[in-house]
C-alpha atoms as a PDB file:
ATOM      1  CA  MET A   1     -10.084 -28.968 -23.673  1.00  0.00           C
ATOM      2  CA  TYR A   2     -13.187 -27.437 -22.118  1.00  0.00           C
ATOM      3  CA  ARG A   3     -13.668 -23.850 -22.054  1.00  0.00           C
ATOM      4  CA  LYS A   4     -13.438 -23.441 -18.227  1.00  0.00           C
ATOM      5  CA  PHE A   5     -10.101 -24.489 -18.535  1.00  0.00           C
ATOM      6  CA  VAL A   6      -9.112 -22.085 -21.226  1.00  0.00           C
ATOM      7  CA  ASN A   7     -10.999 -19.708 -18.814  1.00  0.00           C
ATOM      8  CA  ALA A   8      -8.614 -20.741 -16.295  1.00  0.00           C
ATOM      9  CA  ARG A   9      -5.388 -19.458 -18.100  1.00  0.00           C
ATOM     10  CA  SER A  10      -7.164 -15.962 -18.693  1.00  0.00           C
ATOM     11  CA  PRO A  11      -5.271 -13.003 -16.570  1.00  0.00           C
ATOM     12  CA  LEU A  12      -8.583 -12.238 -15.132  1.00  0.00           C
ATOM     13  CA  ARG A  13      -8.401 -15.413 -12.771  1.00  0.00           C
ATOM     14  CA  LEU A  14      -5.806 -14.381 -10.744  1.00  0.00           C
ATOM     15  CA  LEU A  15      -6.899 -10.415 -10.564  1.00  0.00           C
ATOM     16  CA  GLU A  16     -10.067 -11.687  -9.609  1.00  0.00           C
ATOM     17  CA  LYS A  17      -8.470 -13.349  -6.588  1.00  0.00           C
ATOM     18  CA  GLY A  18      -6.399  -9.719  -5.877  1.00  0.00           C
ATOM     19  CA  LEU A  19      -8.507  -7.419  -7.021  1.00  0.00           C
ATOM     20  CA  HIS A  20     -11.421  -7.551  -4.615  1.00  0.00           C
ATOM     21  CA  GLY A  21     -13.087  -9.922  -6.821  1.00  0.00           C
ATOM     22  CA  GLY A  22     -12.331  -8.249  -9.920  1.00  0.00           C
ATOM     23  CA  LEU A  23     -13.534  -5.217 -11.526  1.00  0.00           C
ATOM     24  CA  GLY A  24     -16.921  -5.776 -10.429  1.00  0.00           C
ATOM     25  CA  ILE A  25     -20.545  -4.958 -12.127  1.00  0.00           C
ATOM     26  CA  GLY A  26     -21.116  -1.027 -12.483  1.00  0.00           C
ATOM     27  CA  ASN A  27     -17.481  -0.452 -12.470  1.00  0.00           C
ATOM     28  CA  ILE A  28     -14.862   1.189 -14.744  1.00  0.00           C
ATOM     29  CA  GLY A  29     -11.433  -0.526 -15.273  1.00  0.00           C
ATOM     30  CA  VAL A  30      -8.864   1.609 -17.433  1.00  0.00           C
ATOM     31  CA  LEU A  31      -5.812  -0.121 -19.088  1.00  0.00           C
ATOM     32  CA  VAL A  32      -2.726   2.027 -19.818  1.00  0.00           C
ATOM     33  CA  ALA A  33      -0.108   1.038 -22.047  1.00  0.00           C
ATOM     34  CA  GLY A  34       2.159   2.301 -24.842  1.00  0.00           C
ATOM     35  CA  HIS A  35       1.749   1.708 -28.339  1.00  0.00           C
ATOM     36  CA  GLY A  36       2.073  -1.659 -29.659  1.00  0.00           C
ATOM     37  CA  VAL A  37       2.526  -3.291 -25.931  1.00  0.00           C
ATOM     38  CA  GLY A  38      -1.003  -5.353 -26.266  1.00  0.00           C
ATOM     39  CA  LYS A  39      -3.737  -3.033 -25.899  1.00  0.00           C
ATOM     40  CA  THR A  40      -6.002  -4.543 -28.469  1.00  0.00           C
ATOM     41  CA  PRO A  41      -4.904  -8.182 -27.826  1.00  0.00           C
ATOM     42  CA  PHE A  42      -5.585  -7.758 -23.828  1.00  0.00           C
ATOM     43  CA  LEU A  43      -8.908  -6.313 -24.416  1.00  0.00           C
ATOM     44  CA  VAL A  44      -9.768  -8.979 -27.031  1.00  0.00           C
ATOM     45  CA  GLY A  45      -8.523 -11.692 -24.560  1.00  0.00           C
ATOM     46  CA  VAL A  46     -11.004  -9.956 -21.703  1.00  0.00           C
ATOM     47  CA  ALA A  47     -13.599 -10.021 -24.403  1.00  0.00           C
ATOM     48  CA  LEU A  48     -13.164 -13.713 -25.117  1.00  0.00           C
ATOM     49  CA  ASP A  49     -13.176 -14.512 -21.285  1.00  0.00           C
ATOM     50  CA  GLU A  50     -16.543 -13.339 -21.099  1.00  0.00           C
ATOM     51  CA  LEU A  51     -17.929 -14.465 -24.555  1.00  0.00           C
ATOM     52  CA  LEU A  52     -16.737 -18.525 -23.392  1.00  0.00           C
ATOM     53  CA  ARG A  53     -18.847 -17.816 -20.488  1.00  0.00           C
ATOM     54  CA  GLN A  54     -21.771 -16.956 -22.353  1.00  0.00           C
ATOM     55  CA  GLY A  55     -21.635 -13.371 -21.889  1.00  0.00           C
ATOM     56  CA  THR A  56     -22.385 -10.656 -24.658  1.00  0.00           C
ATOM     57  CA  VAL A  57     -19.768  -8.062 -25.412  1.00  0.00           C
ATOM     58  CA  LEU A  58     -19.951  -4.481 -27.342  1.00  0.00           C
ATOM     59  CA  HIS A  59     -16.458  -3.407 -28.460  1.00  0.00           C
ATOM     60  CA  VAL A  60     -15.940   0.117 -29.330  1.00  0.00           C
ATOM     61  CA  ALA A  61     -13.142   1.305 -31.569  1.00  0.00           C
ATOM     62  CA  LEU A  62     -12.060   4.806 -31.612  1.00  0.00           C
ATOM     63  CA  ASP A  63      -8.993   4.572 -33.633  1.00  0.00           C
ATOM     64  CA  GLN A  64      -9.646   1.233 -36.000  1.00  0.00           C
ATOM     65  CA  THR A  65     -11.914  -0.119 -38.384  1.00  0.00           C
ATOM     66  CA  VAL A  66     -14.168  -2.756 -37.576  1.00  0.00           C
ATOM     67  CA  SER A  67     -12.534  -5.274 -39.932  1.00  0.00           C
ATOM     68  CA  HIS A  68      -9.605  -4.392 -37.860  1.00  0.00           C
ATOM     69  CA  VAL A  69     -10.322  -5.249 -34.654  1.00  0.00           C
ATOM     70  CA  ARG A  70     -12.290  -8.155 -35.901  1.00  0.00           C
ATOM     71  CA  ALA A  71      -9.053  -9.558 -37.238  1.00  0.00           C
ATOM     72  CA  HIS A  72      -7.759  -9.144 -33.773  1.00  0.00           C
ATOM     73  CA  TYR A  73     -10.079 -11.070 -32.565  1.00  0.00           C
ATOM     74  CA  ASP A  74      -9.721 -13.982 -35.113  1.00  0.00           C
ATOM     75  CA  THR A  75      -6.180 -14.152 -34.286  1.00  0.00           C
ATOM     76  CA  VAL A  76      -6.330 -14.367 -30.853  1.00  0.00           C
ATOM     77  CA  TYR A  77      -8.959 -16.642 -30.630  1.00  0.00           C
ATOM     78  CA  GLU A  78      -7.220 -19.040 -33.380  1.00  0.00           C
ATOM     79  CA  GLU A  79      -3.743 -18.781 -30.795  1.00  0.00           C
ATOM     80  CA  LEU A  80      -5.639 -19.255 -27.982  1.00  0.00           C
ATOM     81  CA  ALA A  81      -7.698 -22.210 -29.110  1.00  0.00           C
ATOM     82  CA  SER A  82      -4.657 -23.745 -30.447  1.00  0.00           C
ATOM     83  CA  SER A  83      -2.434 -23.346 -27.596  1.00  0.00           C
ATOM     84  CA  THR A  84      -5.017 -24.740 -25.376  1.00  0.00           C
ATOM     85  CA  HIS A  85      -6.616 -27.463 -27.334  1.00  0.00           C
ATOM     86  CA  LEU A  86     -10.015 -26.092 -27.397  1.00  0.00           C
ATOM     87  CA  ASP A  87     -12.525 -28.371 -28.381  1.00  0.00           C
ATOM     88  CA  ASP A  88     -15.069 -27.706 -30.991  1.00  0.00           C
ATOM     89  CA  ALA A  89     -12.915 -24.702 -31.638  1.00  0.00           C
ATOM     90  CA  ALA A  90     -14.796 -23.698 -35.287  1.00  0.00           C
ATOM     91  CA  ALA A  91     -17.926 -24.159 -33.231  1.00  0.00           C
ATOM     92  CA  THR A  92     -17.221 -22.065 -30.573  1.00  0.00           C
ATOM     93  CA  HIS A  93     -15.955 -19.322 -32.893  1.00  0.00           C
ATOM     94  CA  THR A  94     -19.066 -19.227 -34.494  1.00  0.00           C
ATOM     95  CA  GLU A  95     -20.936 -19.218 -31.507  1.00  0.00           C
ATOM     96  CA  ILE A  96     -18.938 -16.272 -29.721  1.00  0.00           C
ATOM     97  CA  ASP A  97     -19.105 -14.195 -32.955  1.00  0.00           C
ATOM     98  CA  ARG A  98     -22.854 -14.100 -32.769  1.00  0.00           C
ATOM     99  CA  HIS A  99     -22.952 -12.408 -29.162  1.00  0.00           C
ATOM    100  CA  ARG A 100     -20.048  -9.986 -29.838  1.00  0.00           C
ATOM    101  CA  SER A 101     -20.656  -6.594 -31.341  1.00  0.00           C
ATOM    102  CA  ILE A 102     -18.346  -4.587 -32.837  1.00  0.00           C
ATOM    103  CA  ARG A 103     -18.560  -0.431 -33.819  1.00  0.00           C
ATOM    104  CA  ALA A 104     -16.328   2.129 -34.893  1.00  0.00           C
ATOM    105  CA  TYR A 105     -16.387   5.822 -34.185  1.00  0.00           C
ATOM    106  CA  ALA A 106     -14.165   8.631 -34.989  1.00  0.00           C
ATOM    107  CA  PRO A 107     -12.663   9.741 -31.684  1.00  0.00           C
ATOM    108  CA  SER A 108     -13.694  13.055 -32.122  1.00  0.00           C
ATOM    109  CA  GLY A 109     -17.282  11.713 -32.859  1.00  0.00           C
ATOM    110  CA  PHE A 110     -17.752   9.616 -29.764  1.00  0.00           C
ATOM    111  CA  SER A 111     -19.545  10.223 -26.660  1.00  0.00           C
ATOM    112  CA  ALA A 112     -21.699   8.635 -23.820  1.00  0.00           C
ATOM    113  CA  ALA A 113     -24.888   9.728 -25.683  1.00  0.00           C
ATOM    114  CA  LYS A 114     -23.694   7.730 -28.911  1.00  0.00           C
ATOM    115  CA  LEU A 115     -22.816   4.715 -26.880  1.00  0.00           C
ATOM    116  CA  ARG A 116     -26.139   4.820 -25.069  1.00  0.00           C
ATOM    117  CA  ASP A 117     -27.661   4.602 -28.827  1.00  0.00           C
ATOM    118  CA  ALA A 118     -25.477   1.858 -29.758  1.00  0.00           C
ATOM    119  CA  VAL A 119     -26.185  -0.012 -26.538  1.00  0.00           C
ATOM    120  CA  LYS A 120     -29.933   0.874 -27.197  1.00  0.00           C
ATOM    121  CA  ILE A 121     -29.873  -0.577 -30.854  1.00  0.00           C
ATOM    122  CA  GLU A 122     -27.832  -3.856 -29.300  1.00  0.00           C
ATOM    123  CA  THR A 123     -30.365  -4.628 -26.838  1.00  0.00           C
ATOM    124  CA  GLU A 124     -33.382  -4.341 -29.058  1.00  0.00           C
ATOM    125  CA  ALA A 125     -31.668  -6.737 -31.081  1.00  0.00           C
ATOM    126  CA  GLY A 126     -31.590  -9.042 -28.319  1.00  0.00           C
ATOM    127  CA  GLY A 127     -27.764  -8.634 -27.617  1.00  0.00           C
ATOM    128  CA  LYS A 128     -27.628  -6.512 -24.092  1.00  0.00           C
ATOM    129  CA  PRO A 129     -24.086  -6.234 -23.429  1.00  0.00           C
ATOM    130  CA  SER A 130     -22.914  -7.592 -20.056  1.00  0.00           C
ATOM    131  CA  LEU A 131     -19.269  -6.031 -21.393  1.00  0.00           C
ATOM    132  CA  ILE A 132     -18.293  -3.064 -22.796  1.00  0.00           C
ATOM    133  CA  LEU A 133     -14.867  -2.280 -24.113  1.00  0.00           C
ATOM    134  CA  ILE A 134     -13.749   1.337 -25.223  1.00  0.00           C
ATOM    135  CA  GLU A 135     -10.247   1.866 -26.892  1.00  0.00           C
ATOM    136  CA  GLY A 136      -8.644   4.473 -28.285  1.00  0.00           C
ATOM    137  CA  LEU A 137      -9.876   7.473 -26.302  1.00  0.00           C
ATOM    138  CA  GLU A 138      -7.483  10.276 -26.192  1.00  0.00           C
ATOM    139  CA  GLU A 139      -8.984  12.044 -23.120  1.00  0.00           C
ATOM    140  CA  ILE A 140     -11.791  10.935 -20.684  1.00  0.00           C
ATOM    141  CA  PRO A 141     -14.370  13.421 -20.035  1.00  0.00           C
ATOM    142  CA  ARG A 142     -15.372  13.272 -16.596  1.00  0.00           C
ATOM    143  CA  ALA A 143     -19.113  13.710 -17.377  1.00  0.00           C
ATOM    144  CA  ASP A 144     -18.975  11.125 -20.215  1.00  0.00           C
ATOM    145  CA  LEU A 145     -17.425   8.852 -17.489  1.00  0.00           C
ATOM    146  CA  LEU A 146     -20.108   8.990 -14.967  1.00  0.00           C
ATOM    147  CA  ASP A 147     -22.641   8.881 -17.317  1.00  0.00           C
ATOM    148  CA  ILE A 148     -21.083   5.431 -19.010  1.00  0.00           C
ATOM    149  CA  ARG A 149     -20.922   4.240 -15.205  1.00  0.00           C
ATOM    150  CA  ALA A 150     -24.149   4.818 -15.171  1.00  0.00           C
ATOM    151  CA  LEU A 151     -25.068   3.065 -18.031  1.00  0.00           C
ATOM    152  CA  ALA A 152     -22.789   0.000 -16.791  1.00  0.00           C
ATOM    153  CA  ASP A 153     -25.039   0.025 -13.371  1.00  0.00           C
ATOM    154  CA  GLU A 154     -28.338   0.113 -15.557  1.00  0.00           C
ATOM    155  CA  LEU A 155     -26.951  -2.896 -17.694  1.00  0.00           C
ATOM    156  CA  ALA A 156     -25.417  -4.722 -14.903  1.00  0.00           C
ATOM    157  CA  ALA A 157     -22.409  -4.626 -17.093  1.00  0.00           C
ATOM    158  CA  GLU A 158     -18.562  -4.184 -16.862  1.00  0.00           C
ATOM    159  CA  VAL A 159     -16.670  -1.393 -18.892  1.00  0.00           C
ATOM    160  CA  TRP A 160     -13.199  -1.409 -19.539  1.00  0.00           C
ATOM    161  CA  ILE A 161     -11.454   1.338 -21.063  1.00  0.00           C
ATOM    162  CA  SER A 162      -7.881   1.340 -22.749  1.00  0.00           C
ATOM    163  CA  LEU A 163      -5.767   4.666 -22.959  1.00  0.00           C
ATOM    164  CA  ALA A 164      -1.966   4.604 -24.637  1.00  0.00           C
ATOM    165  CA  THR A 165       1.302   5.997 -22.504  1.00  0.00           C
ATOM    166  CA  THR A 166       3.594   8.144 -24.447  1.00  0.00           C
ATOM    167  CA  GLY A 167       6.549   5.488 -23.623  1.00  0.00           C
ATOM    168  CA  GLU A 168       6.421   1.252 -23.040  1.00  0.00           C
ATOM    169  CA  ARG A 169       7.089   1.744 -19.017  1.00  0.00           C
ATOM    170  CA  VAL A 170       4.403   3.325 -17.168  1.00  0.00           C
ATOM    171  CA  ASP A 171       5.254   5.244 -13.830  1.00  0.00           C
ATOM    172  CA  GLY A 172       2.087   5.289 -12.344  1.00  0.00           C
ATOM    173  CA  ILE A 173      -1.384   6.403 -12.986  1.00  0.00           C
ATOM    174  CA  PRO A 174      -1.629   9.151 -15.930  1.00  0.00           C
ATOM    175  CA  PRO A 175      -2.504  12.474 -15.041  1.00  0.00           C
ATOM    176  CA  GLU A 176      -5.305  12.149 -17.231  1.00  0.00           C
ATOM    177  CA  ILE A 177      -6.770   9.455 -15.015  1.00  0.00           C
ATOM    178  CA  GLN A 178      -5.613  10.946 -12.021  1.00  0.00           C
ATOM    179  CA  ALA A 179      -8.595  14.119 -12.525  1.00  0.00           C
ATOM    180  CA  VAL A 180     -11.159  11.132 -12.472  1.00  0.00           C
ATOM    181  CA  ASP A 181      -9.810   8.989  -9.981  1.00  0.00           C
ATOM    182  CA  ASP A 182     -12.920   8.993  -8.451  1.00  0.00           C
ATOM    183  CA  THR A 183     -15.091   7.767 -11.352  1.00  0.00           C
ATOM    184  CA  VAL A 184     -12.762   4.825 -12.119  1.00  0.00           C
ATOM    185  CA  SER A 185     -12.402   1.532  -9.669  1.00  0.00           C
ATOM    186  CA  VAL A 186      -9.487  -0.420 -11.479  1.00  0.00           C
ATOM    187  CA  VAL A 187      -6.144   0.542 -13.331  1.00  0.00           C
ATOM    188  CA  LEU A 188      -4.111  -1.985 -15.022  1.00  0.00           C
ATOM    189  CA  ALA A 189      -0.811  -0.900 -16.423  1.00  0.00           C
ATOM    190  CA  LEU A 190       0.587  -3.738 -19.288  1.00  0.00           C
ATOM    191  CA  GLU A 191       4.434  -3.520 -20.190  1.00  0.00           C
ATOM    192  CA  PRO A 192       7.210  -5.325 -21.670  1.00  0.00           C
ATOM    193  CA  GLY A 193       8.551  -7.772 -19.625  1.00  0.00           C
ATOM    194  CA  ASP A 194      11.338 -10.468 -20.362  1.00  0.00           C
ATOM    195  CA  GLY A 195      10.151 -12.842 -22.838  1.00  0.00           C
ATOM    196  CA  SER A 196       6.793 -11.803 -21.726  1.00  0.00           C
ATOM    197  CA  VAL A 197       4.280  -9.158 -21.123  1.00  0.00           C
ATOM    198  CA  VAL A 198       3.521  -7.862 -17.230  1.00  0.00           C
ATOM    199  CA  LEU A 199       0.699  -6.836 -16.181  1.00  0.00           C
ATOM    200  CA  ARG A 200       0.438  -5.101 -12.831  1.00  0.00           C
ATOM    201  CA  ALA A 201      -2.248  -3.089 -11.081  1.00  0.00           C
ATOM    202  CA  LEU A 202      -1.937   0.800 -10.376  1.00  0.00           C
ATOM    203  CA  LYS A 203      -5.336   0.892  -8.687  1.00  0.00           C
ATOM    204  CA  ASP A 204      -7.331  -1.763  -7.085  1.00  0.00           C
ATOM    205  CA  HIS A 205     -10.449  -0.082  -5.667  1.00  0.00           C
ATOM    206  CA  ASP A 206     -10.133   0.981  -2.448  1.00  0.00           C
ATOM    207  CA  ASN A 207      -7.318  -1.324  -1.608  1.00  0.00           C
ATOM    208  CA  GLU A 208      -3.896   0.236  -1.013  1.00  0.00           C
ATOM    209  CA  ASP A 209      -1.390  -2.684  -0.815  1.00  0.00           C
ATOM    210  CA  LEU A 210      -0.806  -3.460  -4.926  1.00  0.00           C
ATOM    211  CA  SER A 211       2.042  -5.626  -4.197  1.00  0.00           C
ATOM    212  CA  ALA A 212       1.015  -9.266  -5.262  1.00  0.00           C
ATOM    213  CA  LEU A 213      -0.947  -7.834  -8.166  1.00  0.00           C
ATOM    214  CA  HIS A 214       1.825  -8.681 -10.615  1.00  0.00           C
ATOM    215  CA  VAL A 215       0.719 -11.309 -13.583  1.00  0.00           C
ATOM    216  CA  ALA A 216       3.247 -12.455 -16.689  1.00  0.00           C
ATOM    217  CA  LEU A 217       1.736 -13.001 -19.760  1.00  0.00           C
ATOM    218  CA  ASP A 218       2.523 -15.054 -22.752  1.00  0.00           C
ATOM    219  CA  PRO A 219       3.461 -12.478 -25.588  1.00  0.00           C
ATOM    220  CA  GLN A 220       1.531 -14.313 -28.066  1.00  0.00           C
ATOM    221  CA  THR A 221      -1.877 -15.219 -26.384  1.00  0.00           C
ATOM    222  CA  LEU A 222      -1.930 -12.416 -23.538  1.00  0.00           C
ATOM    223  CA  LEU A 223      -2.736 -15.730 -21.362  1.00  0.00           C
ATOM    224  CA  LEU A 224      -0.997 -16.520 -18.082  1.00  0.00           C
ATOM    225  CA  VAL A 225       2.329 -17.922 -18.434  1.00  0.00           C
ATOM    226  CA  ARG A 226       2.356 -21.485 -17.844  1.00  0.00           C
ATOM    227  CA  ASN A 227       4.814 -22.771 -15.229  1.00  0.00           C
END
């Protein structure tokens, strides 16, 4: 199967139809979910979607090692390639690895300034990110978010951040995000469902009608459930 058909099963395709064309360049999206629900596999899926479209990804992990995150990529990619019968899976794996960089920081040692430093190094090495993922943030300082959004504008990139909630169910936008609501364009919630993982939108830019933005995902691949 060709890459475009694999990407057609990405949840981003349906979200792009509902989320005013998706997250959008220069914007920040936040994924909220309980521990163990699938934040890392989902973000890896977002990254693979970008990589399969010849994009470049910088993945920042604040609560995992580089090797642990890389193992997630290998697992999700293998499940994706197997379930979709992707052509030239080994060669494609090698190619996307070259366009993905993983950096790990202690949560207390991360800042927007350090992200800028990392982006500068990646860009000078020929890997200017088109997508930045940040997972493991325990809080979202407003000043850092403003700087990260400015950086996204400068790079013409999108930024996704994951945030853990205390329970598996997400009742609404967490207070820490509400406090910086004007800096975040999209908020998605990931929750366990009946034989699937449910992805739903809590914020869609300025759109108040979120009723149609619910997506069922395969719990193994975090791809769209086949009808």
